[in-house]
Amino acid sequence: PAKNNAELVSRMAKISREMNREIADPSEARKIIGL
């Protein structure tokens, strides 16, 4: 299990890159979730 949110985000970013998916930057993430 992840020890903190930063570790969880790091793991998900690694998995996304392995699947050739782009990582949203903070501005893109805000748009995606409607903030």
PDB file of N, CA and C in Angstrom:
ATOM      1  N   PRO A   1       0.822  -1.201   0.000  1.00  0.00           N
ATOM      2  CA  PRO A   1       0.000   0.000   0.000  1.00  0.00           C
ATOM      3  C   PRO A   1       0.867   1.266   0.000  1.00  0.00           C
ATOM      4  N   ALA A   2       0.333   2.318  -0.588  1.00  0.00           N
ATOM      5  CA  ALA A   2       1.043   3.595  -0.626  1.00  0.00           C
ATOM      6  C   ALA A   2       1.099   4.201   0.768  1.00  0.00           C
ATOM      7  N   LYS A   3       2.225   4.837   1.083  1.00  0.00           N
ATOM      8  CA  LYS A   3       2.399   5.465   2.395  1.00  0.00           C
ATOM      9  C   LYS A   3       1.802   6.863   2.440  1.00  0.00           C
ATOM     10  N   ASN A   4       1.665   7.498   1.265  1.00  0.00           N
ATOM     11  CA  ASN A   4       1.096   8.840   1.207  1.00  0.00           C
ATOM     12  C   ASN A   4       0.594   9.117  -0.209  1.00  0.00           C
ATOM     13  N   ASN A   5      -0.051  10.250  -0.388  1.00  0.00           N
ATOM     14  CA  ASN A   5      -0.628  10.586  -1.686  1.00  0.00           C
ATOM     15  C   ASN A   5       0.448  10.750  -2.757  1.00  0.00           C
ATOM     16  N   ALA A   6       1.578  11.342  -2.401  1.00  0.00           N
ATOM     17  CA  ALA A   6       2.656  11.538  -3.382  1.00  0.00           C
ATOM     18  C   ALA A   6       3.137  10.201  -3.931  1.00  0.00           C
ATOM     19  N   GLU A   7       3.249   9.206  -3.076  1.00  0.00           N
ATOM     20  CA  GLU A   7       3.678   7.877  -3.523  1.00  0.00           C
ATOM     21  C   GLU A   7       2.635   7.264  -4.458  1.00  0.00           C
ATOM     22  N   LEU A   8       1.378   7.440  -4.139  1.00  0.00           N
ATOM     23  CA  LEU A   8       0.300   6.917  -4.983  1.00  0.00           C
ATOM     24  C   LEU A   8       0.315   7.583  -6.359  1.00  0.00           C
ATOM     25  N   VAL A   9       0.473   8.901  -6.380  1.00  0.00           N
ATOM     26  CA  VAL A   9       0.531   9.631  -7.649  1.00  0.00           C
ATOM     27  C   VAL A   9       1.729   9.171  -8.464  1.00  0.00           C
ATOM     28  N   SER A  10       2.861   8.993  -7.818  1.00  0.00           N
ATOM     29  CA  SER A  10       4.068   8.531  -8.505  1.00  0.00           C
ATOM     30  C   SER A  10       3.852   7.160  -9.135  1.00  0.00           C
ATOM     31  N   ARG A  11       3.223   6.273  -8.407  1.00  0.00           N
ATOM     32  CA  ARG A  11       2.946   4.931  -8.940  1.00  0.00           C
ATOM     33  C   ARG A  11       2.027   4.991 -10.151  1.00  0.00           C
ATOM     34  N   MET A  12       0.973   5.809 -10.039  1.00  0.00           N
ATOM     35  CA  MET A  12       0.021   5.914 -11.145  1.00  0.00           C
ATOM     36  C   MET A  12       0.669   6.547 -12.374  1.00  0.00           C
ATOM     37  N   ALA A  13       1.536   7.533 -12.174  1.00  0.00           N
ATOM     38  CA  ALA A  13       2.236   8.160 -13.297  1.00  0.00           C
ATOM     39  C   ALA A  13       3.126   7.138 -13.990  1.00  0.00           C
ATOM     40  N   LYS A  14       3.802   6.306 -13.209  1.00  0.00           N
ATOM     41  CA  LYS A  14       4.674   5.276 -13.781  1.00  0.00           C
ATOM     42  C   LYS A  14       3.850   4.289 -14.615  1.00  0.00           C
ATOM     43  N   ILE A  15       2.734   3.840 -14.066  1.00  0.00           N
ATOM     44  CA  ILE A  15       1.868   2.900 -14.787  1.00  0.00           C
ATOM     45  C   ILE A  15       1.348   3.544 -16.072  1.00  0.00           C
ATOM     46  N   SER A  16       0.945   4.809 -15.988  1.00  0.00           N
ATOM     47  CA  SER A  16       0.437   5.509 -17.171  1.00  0.00           C
ATOM     48  C   SER A  16       1.494   5.605 -18.255  1.00  0.00           C
ATOM     49  N   ARG A  17       2.731   5.943 -17.868  1.00  0.00           N
ATOM     50  CA  ARG A  17       3.811   6.034 -18.855  1.00  0.00           C
ATOM     51  C   ARG A  17       4.083   4.675 -19.487  1.00  0.00           C
ATOM     52  N   GLU A  18       4.027   3.619 -18.684  1.00  0.00           N
ATOM     53  CA  GLU A  18       4.249   2.270 -19.213  1.00  0.00           C
ATOM     54  C   GLU A  18       3.182   1.892 -20.240  1.00  0.00           C
ATOM     55  N   MET A  19       2.010   2.503 -20.120  1.00  0.00           N
ATOM     56  CA  MET A  19       0.915   2.235 -21.053  1.00  0.00           C
ATOM     57  C   MET A  19       0.857   3.288 -22.161  1.00  0.00           C
ATOM     58  N   ASN A  20       1.940   4.074 -22.276  1.00  0.00           N
ATOM     59  CA  ASN A  20       2.036   5.137 -23.288  1.00  0.00           C
ATOM     60  C   ASN A  20       0.906   6.155 -23.191  1.00  0.00           C
ATOM     61  N   ARG A  21       0.527   6.489 -21.965  1.00  0.00           N
ATOM     62  CA  ARG A  21      -0.496   7.508 -21.730  1.00  0.00           C
ATOM     63  C   ARG A  21       0.182   8.779 -21.235  1.00  0.00           C
ATOM     64  N   GLU A  22      -0.349   9.935 -21.648  1.00  0.00           N
ATOM     65  CA  GLU A  22       0.198  11.201 -21.185  1.00  0.00           C
ATOM     66  C   GLU A  22      -0.293  11.497 -19.775  1.00  0.00           C
ATOM     67  N   ILE A  23       0.533  12.224 -19.030  1.00  0.00           N
ATOM     68  CA  ILE A  23       0.168  12.649 -17.681  1.00  0.00           C
ATOM     69  C   ILE A  23      -0.343  14.087 -17.775  1.00  0.00           C
ATOM     70  N   ALA A  24      -1.514  14.351 -17.218  1.00  0.00           N
ATOM     71  CA  ALA A  24      -2.063  15.708 -17.235  1.00  0.00           C
ATOM     72  C   ALA A  24      -1.272  16.592 -16.280  1.00  0.00           C
ATOM     73  N   ASP A  25      -0.985  17.828 -16.730  1.00  0.00           N
ATOM     74  CA  ASP A  25      -0.354  18.773 -15.810  1.00  0.00           C
ATOM     75  C   ASP A  25      -1.467  19.354 -14.924  1.00  0.00           C
ATOM     76  N   PRO A  26      -1.117  20.112 -13.884  1.00  0.00           N
ATOM     77  CA  PRO A  26      -2.156  20.615 -12.970  1.00  0.00           C
ATOM     78  C   PRO A  26      -3.266  21.402 -13.671  1.00  0.00           C
ATOM     79  N   SER A  27      -2.912  22.218 -14.652  1.00  0.00           N
ATOM     80  CA  SER A  27      -3.920  22.994 -15.375  1.00  0.00           C
ATOM     81  C   SER A  27      -4.868  22.079 -16.146  1.00  0.00           C
ATOM     82  N   GLU A  28      -4.315  21.084 -16.820  1.00  0.00           N
ATOM     83  CA  GLU A  28      -5.144  20.128 -17.569  1.00  0.00           C
ATOM     84  C   GLU A  28      -6.029  19.326 -16.618  1.00  0.00           C
ATOM     85  N   ALA A  29      -5.485  18.933 -15.492  1.00  0.00           N
ATOM     86  CA  ALA A  29      -6.259  18.153 -14.518  1.00  0.00           C
ATOM     87  C   ALA A  29      -7.449  18.958 -14.002  1.00  0.00           C
ATOM     88  N   ARG A  30      -7.241  20.257 -13.729  1.00  0.00           N
ATOM     89  CA  ARG A  30      -8.348  21.102 -13.266  1.00  0.00           C
ATOM     90  C   ARG A  30      -9.451  21.169 -14.319  1.00  0.00           C
ATOM     91  N   LYS A  31      -9.072  21.294 -15.594  1.00  0.00           N
ATOM     92  CA  LYS A  31     -10.070  21.327 -16.671  1.00  0.00           C
ATOM     93  C   LYS A  31     -10.831  20.007 -16.733  1.00  0.00           C
ATOM     94  N   ILE A  32     -10.110  18.898 -16.630  1.00  0.00           N
ATOM     95  CA  ILE A  32     -10.728  17.572 -16.727  1.00  0.00           C
ATOM     96  C   ILE A  32     -11.792  17.378 -15.651  1.00  0.00           C
ATOM     97  N   ILE A  33     -11.492  17.833 -14.426  1.00  0.00           N
ATOM     98  CA  ILE A  33     -12.450  17.622 -13.330  1.00  0.00           C
ATOM     99  C   ILE A  33     -13.381  18.815 -13.109  1.00  0.00           C
ATOM    100  N   GLY A  34     -13.274  19.820 -13.976  1.00  0.00           N
ATOM    101  CA  GLY A  34     -14.220  20.930 -13.943  1.00  0.00           C
ATOM    102  C   GLY A  34     -13.979  21.971 -12.872  1.00  0.00           C
ATOM    103  N   LEU A  35     -12.734  22.210 -12.528  1.00  0.00           N
ATOM    104  CA  LEU A  35     -12.434  23.259 -11.540  1.00  0.00           C
ATOM    105  C   LEU A  35     -11.976  24.528 -12.205  1.00  0.00           C
TER     106      LEU A  35
END
